[in-house]
């Protein structure tokens, strides 16, 4: 599990602003705070996993093209 401190070191200010806005939109759409938090938490975990794999050069050329 990714802790908040690790997430804040890996996510830049722009990404943080995007995630904040996405949370607001998700909460408005679902009308449920808990569900919106769960969705954003899963999204953050996925983004961090991809960032770690990218930084450690774990993707082949096809996967890099797909990510871009």
N, C-alpha and C. Protein backbone atom coordinates (compact mmCIF):
# COMPACT_ATOMS: atom_id res chain seq x y z
N UNK A 1 0.83 -1.17 0.00
CA UNK A 1 0.00 0.00 0.00
C UNK A 1 0.89 1.24 0.00
N UNK A 2 0.48 2.22 -0.74
CA UNK A 2 1.24 3.46 -0.86
C UNK A 2 0.76 4.43 0.21
N UNK A 3 1.70 4.93 1.00
CA UNK A 3 1.33 5.90 2.03
C UNK A 3 1.23 7.29 1.42
N UNK A 4 0.59 8.19 2.15
CA UNK A 4 0.44 9.56 1.66
C UNK A 4 1.77 10.26 1.48
N UNK A 5 2.72 9.99 2.36
CA UNK A 5 4.02 10.66 2.25
C UNK A 5 4.75 10.24 0.98
N UNK A 6 4.67 8.97 0.63
CA UNK A 6 5.30 8.50 -0.60
C UNK A 6 4.58 9.09 -1.80
N UNK A 7 3.27 9.12 -1.75
CA UNK A 7 2.50 9.67 -2.85
C UNK A 7 2.83 11.14 -3.08
N UNK A 8 2.98 11.90 -2.02
CA UNK A 8 3.27 13.33 -2.18
C UNK A 8 4.66 13.57 -2.74
N UNK A 9 5.60 12.67 -2.48
CA UNK A 9 6.94 12.84 -3.04
C UNK A 9 6.98 12.46 -4.51
N UNK A 10 6.10 11.57 -4.94
CA UNK A 10 6.12 11.10 -6.32
C UNK A 10 5.20 11.89 -7.25
N UNK A 11 4.25 12.61 -6.68
CA UNK A 11 3.28 13.34 -7.50
C UNK A 11 3.61 14.82 -7.46
N UNK A 12 3.78 15.43 -8.63
CA UNK A 12 4.12 16.85 -8.69
C UNK A 12 2.88 17.72 -8.47
N UNK A 13 3.08 19.02 -8.41
CA UNK A 13 2.00 19.96 -8.11
C UNK A 13 0.90 19.92 -9.17
N UNK A 14 1.28 19.85 -10.43
CA UNK A 14 0.29 19.82 -11.50
C UNK A 14 -0.58 18.58 -11.41
N UNK A 15 0.06 17.43 -11.20
CA UNK A 15 -0.69 16.18 -11.07
C UNK A 15 -1.60 16.22 -9.85
N UNK A 16 -1.12 16.82 -8.79
CA UNK A 16 -1.92 16.95 -7.58
C UNK A 16 -3.17 17.79 -7.83
N UNK A 17 -3.01 18.87 -8.56
CA UNK A 17 -4.16 19.72 -8.89
C UNK A 17 -5.16 18.97 -9.76
N UNK A 18 -4.66 18.19 -10.71
CA UNK A 18 -5.54 17.40 -11.58
C UNK A 18 -6.30 16.37 -10.75
N UNK A 19 -5.60 15.70 -9.84
CA UNK A 19 -6.25 14.70 -8.99
C UNK A 19 -7.28 15.34 -8.07
N UNK A 20 -6.99 16.53 -7.55
CA UNK A 20 -7.96 17.23 -6.71
C UNK A 20 -9.23 17.55 -7.49
N UNK A 21 -9.05 18.03 -8.70
CA UNK A 21 -10.21 18.36 -9.53
C UNK A 21 -10.98 17.10 -9.92
N UNK A 22 -10.26 16.04 -10.23
CA UNK A 22 -10.89 14.77 -10.56
C UNK A 22 -11.69 14.24 -9.37
N UNK A 23 -11.15 14.41 -8.17
CA UNK A 23 -11.87 14.00 -6.96
C UNK A 23 -13.18 14.78 -6.83
N UNK A 24 -13.11 16.09 -7.03
CA UNK A 24 -14.32 16.90 -6.92
C UNK A 24 -15.38 16.46 -7.93
N UNK A 25 -14.95 16.22 -9.16
CA UNK A 25 -15.89 15.79 -10.20
C UNK A 25 -16.46 14.41 -9.87
N UNK A 26 -15.60 13.50 -9.43
CA UNK A 26 -16.04 12.15 -9.09
C UNK A 26 -17.03 12.18 -7.93
N UNK A 27 -16.73 13.00 -6.93
CA UNK A 27 -17.63 13.09 -5.78
C UNK A 27 -18.98 13.65 -6.20
N UNK A 28 -18.96 14.64 -7.07
CA UNK A 28 -20.21 15.21 -7.56
C UNK A 28 -20.99 14.19 -8.37
N UNK A 29 -20.30 13.43 -9.20
CA UNK A 29 -20.96 12.43 -10.06
C UNK A 29 -21.54 11.28 -9.25
N UNK A 30 -20.76 10.75 -8.29
CA UNK A 30 -21.21 9.60 -7.52
C UNK A 30 -22.12 9.99 -6.36
N UNK A 31 -22.06 11.25 -5.94
CA UNK A 31 -22.81 11.72 -4.78
C UNK A 31 -22.46 10.92 -3.52
N UNK A 32 -21.21 10.43 -3.49
CA UNK A 32 -20.78 9.58 -2.38
C UNK A 32 -19.30 9.84 -2.11
N UNK A 33 -19.00 10.40 -0.95
CA UNK A 33 -17.62 10.75 -0.61
C UNK A 33 -16.74 9.51 -0.54
N UNK A 34 -17.23 8.46 0.09
CA UNK A 34 -16.44 7.24 0.27
C UNK A 34 -16.10 6.60 -1.07
N UNK A 35 -17.06 6.55 -1.96
CA UNK A 35 -16.83 5.96 -3.29
C UNK A 35 -15.84 6.80 -4.10
N UNK A 36 -15.97 8.12 -4.03
CA UNK A 36 -15.05 9.01 -4.74
C UNK A 36 -13.63 8.84 -4.22
N UNK A 37 -13.48 8.74 -2.90
CA UNK A 37 -12.15 8.54 -2.30
C UNK A 37 -11.55 7.21 -2.74
N UNK A 38 -12.37 6.19 -2.82
CA UNK A 38 -11.89 4.86 -3.24
C UNK A 38 -11.41 4.90 -4.69
N UNK A 39 -12.16 5.55 -5.55
CA UNK A 39 -11.78 5.65 -6.96
C UNK A 39 -10.46 6.40 -7.11
N UNK A 40 -10.33 7.53 -6.44
CA UNK A 40 -9.11 8.33 -6.54
C UNK A 40 -7.93 7.59 -5.92
N UNK A 41 -8.15 6.90 -4.82
CA UNK A 41 -7.08 6.12 -4.19
C UNK A 41 -6.55 5.06 -5.15
N UNK A 42 -7.45 4.35 -5.81
CA UNK A 42 -7.03 3.33 -6.78
C UNK A 42 -6.31 3.95 -7.97
N UNK A 43 -6.76 5.11 -8.40
CA UNK A 43 -6.10 5.80 -9.50
C UNK A 43 -4.69 6.23 -9.11
N UNK A 44 -4.53 6.76 -7.91
CA UNK A 44 -3.21 7.18 -7.43
C UNK A 44 -2.28 5.99 -7.34
N UNK A 45 -2.76 4.88 -6.82
CA UNK A 45 -1.93 3.68 -6.71
C UNK A 45 -1.47 3.22 -8.09
N UNK A 46 -2.35 3.26 -9.07
CA UNK A 46 -2.00 2.86 -10.43
C UNK A 46 -0.97 3.80 -11.02
N UNK A 47 -1.16 5.09 -10.85
CA UNK A 47 -0.23 6.09 -11.39
C UNK A 47 1.15 5.93 -10.77
N UNK A 48 1.20 5.71 -9.47
CA UNK A 48 2.49 5.55 -8.79
C UNK A 48 3.20 4.28 -9.24
N UNK A 49 2.45 3.20 -9.40
CA UNK A 49 3.06 1.95 -9.88
C UNK A 49 3.64 2.15 -11.28
N UNK A 50 2.89 2.82 -12.15
CA UNK A 50 3.40 3.08 -13.50
C UNK A 50 4.63 3.98 -13.47
N UNK A 51 4.63 4.98 -12.60
CA UNK A 51 5.78 5.88 -12.49
C UNK A 51 7.02 5.14 -12.02
N UNK A 52 6.86 4.25 -11.06
CA UNK A 52 8.00 3.48 -10.56
C UNK A 52 8.54 2.57 -11.64
N UNK A 53 7.65 1.90 -12.36
CA UNK A 53 8.09 1.03 -13.45
C UNK A 53 8.80 1.84 -14.54
N UNK A 54 8.26 3.02 -14.85
CA UNK A 54 8.86 3.86 -15.88
C UNK A 54 10.25 4.34 -15.46
N UNK A 55 10.38 4.77 -14.23
CA UNK A 55 11.68 5.27 -13.74
C UNK A 55 12.74 4.17 -13.69
N UNK A 56 12.31 2.94 -13.55
CA UNK A 56 13.24 1.82 -13.49
C UNK A 56 13.39 1.11 -14.84
N UNK A 57 12.92 1.77 -15.91
CA UNK A 57 13.05 1.24 -17.28
C UNK A 57 12.54 -0.18 -17.42
N UNK A 58 11.34 -0.43 -16.92
CA UNK A 58 10.75 -1.76 -16.96
C UNK A 58 9.82 -1.97 -18.16
N UNK A 59 9.65 -0.94 -18.98
CA UNK A 59 8.74 -1.05 -20.13
C UNK A 59 9.53 -1.28 -21.41
N UNK A 60 8.95 -2.10 -22.30
CA UNK A 60 9.56 -2.26 -23.62
C UNK A 60 9.03 -1.14 -24.53
N UNK A 61 9.48 -1.10 -25.77
CA UNK A 61 9.12 -0.01 -26.69
C UNK A 61 7.62 0.05 -26.95
N UNK A 62 6.98 -1.10 -27.10
CA UNK A 62 5.54 -1.12 -27.34
C UNK A 62 4.76 -0.53 -26.16
N UNK A 63 5.17 -0.89 -24.96
CA UNK A 63 4.51 -0.39 -23.76
C UNK A 63 4.75 1.11 -23.59
N UNK A 64 5.94 1.57 -23.93
CA UNK A 64 6.22 3.01 -23.85
C UNK A 64 5.35 3.78 -24.84
N UNK A 65 5.20 3.24 -26.04
CA UNK A 65 4.35 3.90 -27.04
C UNK A 65 2.90 3.94 -26.56
N UNK A 66 2.46 2.89 -25.92
CA UNK A 66 1.10 2.84 -25.40
C UNK A 66 0.88 3.87 -24.29
N UNK A 67 1.88 4.04 -23.45
CA UNK A 67 1.76 5.01 -22.35
C UNK A 67 1.73 6.44 -22.85
N UNK A 68 2.43 6.72 -23.93
CA UNK A 68 2.47 8.09 -24.46
C UNK A 68 1.20 8.38 -25.19
